[in-house]
Amino acid sequence: MSDWHKKEITKGVLGDLSKIREELEEAEDSLEQDQLMMLLFELSDICGAAGLVAQKITNGSFGLDELVKFSKLRSKVAIKTNV
């Protein structure tokens, strides 16, 4: 168990979905501890992990920047259509 988290969290592999799962579990633990700053770090780590997965599955053609662009577009559409 780490010094930061109160529960056992399985380590993931960078570039694999398992890393996103690890970061999500750490974010959930941060929230349970009422540690907002730690939660923000973990949310950032989730973004980074997702970008690395995108890079891996597209052989480097797409990464975090493209995910963020598309996320912003989806948010605009969701707000417009109330979804």
C-alpha atoms as a PDB file:
ATOM      1  CA  MET A   1       0.000   0.000   0.000  1.00  0.00           C
ATOM      2  CA  SER A   2       1.291   3.485  -0.785  1.00  0.00           C
ATOM      3  CA  ASP A   3       1.792   6.343   1.628  1.00  0.00           C
ATOM      4  CA  TRP A   4      -0.874   8.309  -0.247  1.00  0.00           C
ATOM      5  CA  HIS A   5      -3.767   5.886  -0.541  1.00  0.00           C
ATOM      6  CA  LYS A   6      -5.735   4.028   2.129  1.00  0.00           C
ATOM      7  CA  LYS A   7      -6.662   1.010   0.042  1.00  0.00           C
ATOM      8  CA  GLU A   8      -4.659  -1.459  -2.019  1.00  0.00           C
ATOM      9  CA  ILE A   9      -4.540  -0.410  -5.671  1.00  0.00           C
ATOM     10  CA  THR A  10      -3.211  -2.688  -8.409  1.00  0.00           C
ATOM     11  CA  LYS A  11      -0.508  -1.074 -10.529  1.00  0.00           C
ATOM     12  CA  GLY A  12      -1.320  -0.672 -14.207  1.00  0.00           C
ATOM     13  CA  VAL A  13       0.916  -0.659 -17.255  1.00  0.00           C
ATOM     14  CA  LEU A  14       1.601   2.621 -19.063  1.00  0.00           C
ATOM     15  CA  GLY A  15      -0.106   2.583 -22.444  1.00  0.00           C
ATOM     16  CA  ASP A  16      -2.669  -0.014 -21.343  1.00  0.00           C
ATOM     17  CA  LEU A  17      -6.211   0.428 -20.054  1.00  0.00           C
ATOM     18  CA  SER A  18      -5.005  -1.057 -16.774  1.00  0.00           C
ATOM     19  CA  LYS A  19      -3.185   2.243 -16.068  1.00  0.00           C
ATOM     20  CA  ILE A  20      -6.411   4.214 -16.492  1.00  0.00           C
ATOM     21  CA  ARG A  21      -8.097   1.768 -14.084  1.00  0.00           C
ATOM     22  CA  GLU A  22      -5.289   2.293 -11.553  1.00  0.00           C
ATOM     23  CA  GLU A  23      -5.575   6.071 -11.775  1.00  0.00           C
ATOM     24  CA  LEU A  24      -9.376   5.914 -11.466  1.00  0.00           C
ATOM     25  CA  GLU A  25      -9.095   3.805  -8.317  1.00  0.00           C
ATOM     26  CA  GLU A  26      -6.602   6.311  -6.924  1.00  0.00           C
ATOM     27  CA  ALA A  27      -9.002   9.153  -7.763  1.00  0.00           C
ATOM     28  CA  GLU A  28     -11.841   7.343  -5.988  1.00  0.00           C
ATOM     29  CA  ASP A  29      -9.621   6.793  -2.957  1.00  0.00           C
ATOM     30  CA  SER A  30      -8.635  10.481  -2.966  1.00  0.00           C
ATOM     31  CA  LEU A  31     -12.301  11.446  -2.978  1.00  0.00           C
ATOM     32  CA  GLU A  32     -13.059   9.043  -0.128  1.00  0.00           C
ATOM     33  CA  GLN A  33     -10.247  10.700   1.837  1.00  0.00           C
ATOM     34  CA  ASP A  34     -11.720  14.139   1.012  1.00  0.00           C
ATOM     35  CA  GLN A  35      -8.374  15.132  -0.535  1.00  0.00           C
ATOM     36  CA  LEU A  36      -9.323  17.544  -3.328  1.00  0.00           C
ATOM     37  CA  MET A  37      -5.766  18.380  -4.382  1.00  0.00           C
ATOM     38  CA  MET A  38      -4.837  14.688  -4.598  1.00  0.00           C
ATOM     39  CA  LEU A  39      -8.024  14.077  -6.598  1.00  0.00           C
ATOM     40  CA  LEU A  40      -6.988  16.764  -9.086  1.00  0.00           C
ATOM     41  CA  PHE A  41      -3.579  15.108  -9.489  1.00  0.00           C
ATOM     42  CA  GLU A  42      -5.243  11.757 -10.122  1.00  0.00           C
ATOM     43  CA  LEU A  43      -7.638  13.269 -12.666  1.00  0.00           C
ATOM     44  CA  SER A  44      -4.601  14.684 -14.455  1.00  0.00           C
ATOM     45  CA  ASP A  45      -2.981  11.248 -14.355  1.00  0.00           C
ATOM     46  CA  ILE A  46      -6.134   9.743 -15.904  1.00  0.00           C
ATOM     47  CA  CYS A  47      -5.848  12.205 -18.787  1.00  0.00           C
ATOM     48  CA  GLY A  48      -2.197  11.349 -19.311  1.00  0.00           C
ATOM     49  CA  ALA A  49      -2.870   7.623 -19.159  1.00  0.00           C
ATOM     50  CA  ALA A  50      -5.683   7.943 -21.715  1.00  0.00           C
ATOM     51  CA  GLY A  51      -3.375   9.871 -24.029  1.00  0.00           C
ATOM     52  CA  LEU A  52      -0.768   7.122 -23.824  1.00  0.00           C
ATOM     53  CA  VAL A  53      -3.365   4.467 -24.639  1.00  0.00           C
ATOM     54  CA  ALA A  54      -4.446   6.501 -27.672  1.00  0.00           C
ATOM     55  CA  GLN A  55      -0.827   6.809 -28.809  1.00  0.00           C
ATOM     56  CA  LYS A  56      -0.236   3.103 -28.388  1.00  0.00           C
ATOM     57  CA  ILE A  57      -3.298   1.922 -30.310  1.00  0.00           C
ATOM     58  CA  THR A  58      -2.754   4.435 -33.138  1.00  0.00           C
ATOM     59  CA  ASN A  59       1.022   3.921 -33.387  1.00  0.00           C
ATOM     60  CA  GLY A  60       1.567   7.533 -32.331  1.00  0.00           C
ATOM     61  CA  SER A  61      -0.898   9.097 -34.784  1.00  0.00           C
ATOM     62  CA  PHE A  62      -3.211  10.339 -32.020  1.00  0.00           C
ATOM     63  CA  GLY A  63      -2.610  11.282 -28.424  1.00  0.00           C
ATOM     64  CA  LEU A  64      -3.796  13.486 -25.609  1.00  0.00           C
ATOM     65  CA  ASP A  65      -4.147  16.628 -27.738  1.00  0.00           C
ATOM     66  CA  GLU A  66      -6.549  14.916 -30.123  1.00  0.00           C
ATOM     67  CA  LEU A  67      -8.522  13.414 -27.227  1.00  0.00           C
ATOM     68  CA  VAL A  68      -8.905  16.851 -25.637  1.00  0.00           C
ATOM     69  CA  LYS A  69     -10.055  18.409 -28.923  1.00  0.00           C
ATOM     70  CA  PHE A  70     -12.687  15.740 -29.416  1.00  0.00           C
ATOM     71  CA  SER A  71     -13.748  15.915 -25.769  1.00  0.00           C
ATOM     72  CA  LYS A  72     -14.387  19.650 -26.135  1.00  0.00           C
ATOM     73  CA  LEU A  73     -16.470  19.024 -29.257  1.00  0.00           C
ATOM     74  CA  ARG A  74     -18.499  16.314 -27.484  1.00  0.00           C
ATOM     75  CA  SER A  75     -19.111  18.653 -24.556  1.00  0.00           C
ATOM     76  CA  LYS A  76     -20.405  21.392 -26.871  1.00  0.00           C
ATOM     77  CA  VAL A  77     -22.745  18.941 -28.580  1.00  0.00           C
ATOM     78  CA  ALA A  78     -23.931  17.516 -25.246  1.00  0.00           C
ATOM     79  CA  ILE A  79     -24.685  20.975 -23.874  1.00  0.00           C
ATOM     80  CA  LYS A  80     -26.496  21.967 -27.060  1.00  0.00           C
ATOM     81  CA  THR A  81     -28.591  18.794 -27.155  1.00  0.00           C
ATOM     82  CA  ASN A  82     -28.954  18.469 -23.377  1.00  0.00           C
ATOM     83  CA  VAL A  83     -27.422  14.969 -23.408  1.00  0.00           C
END
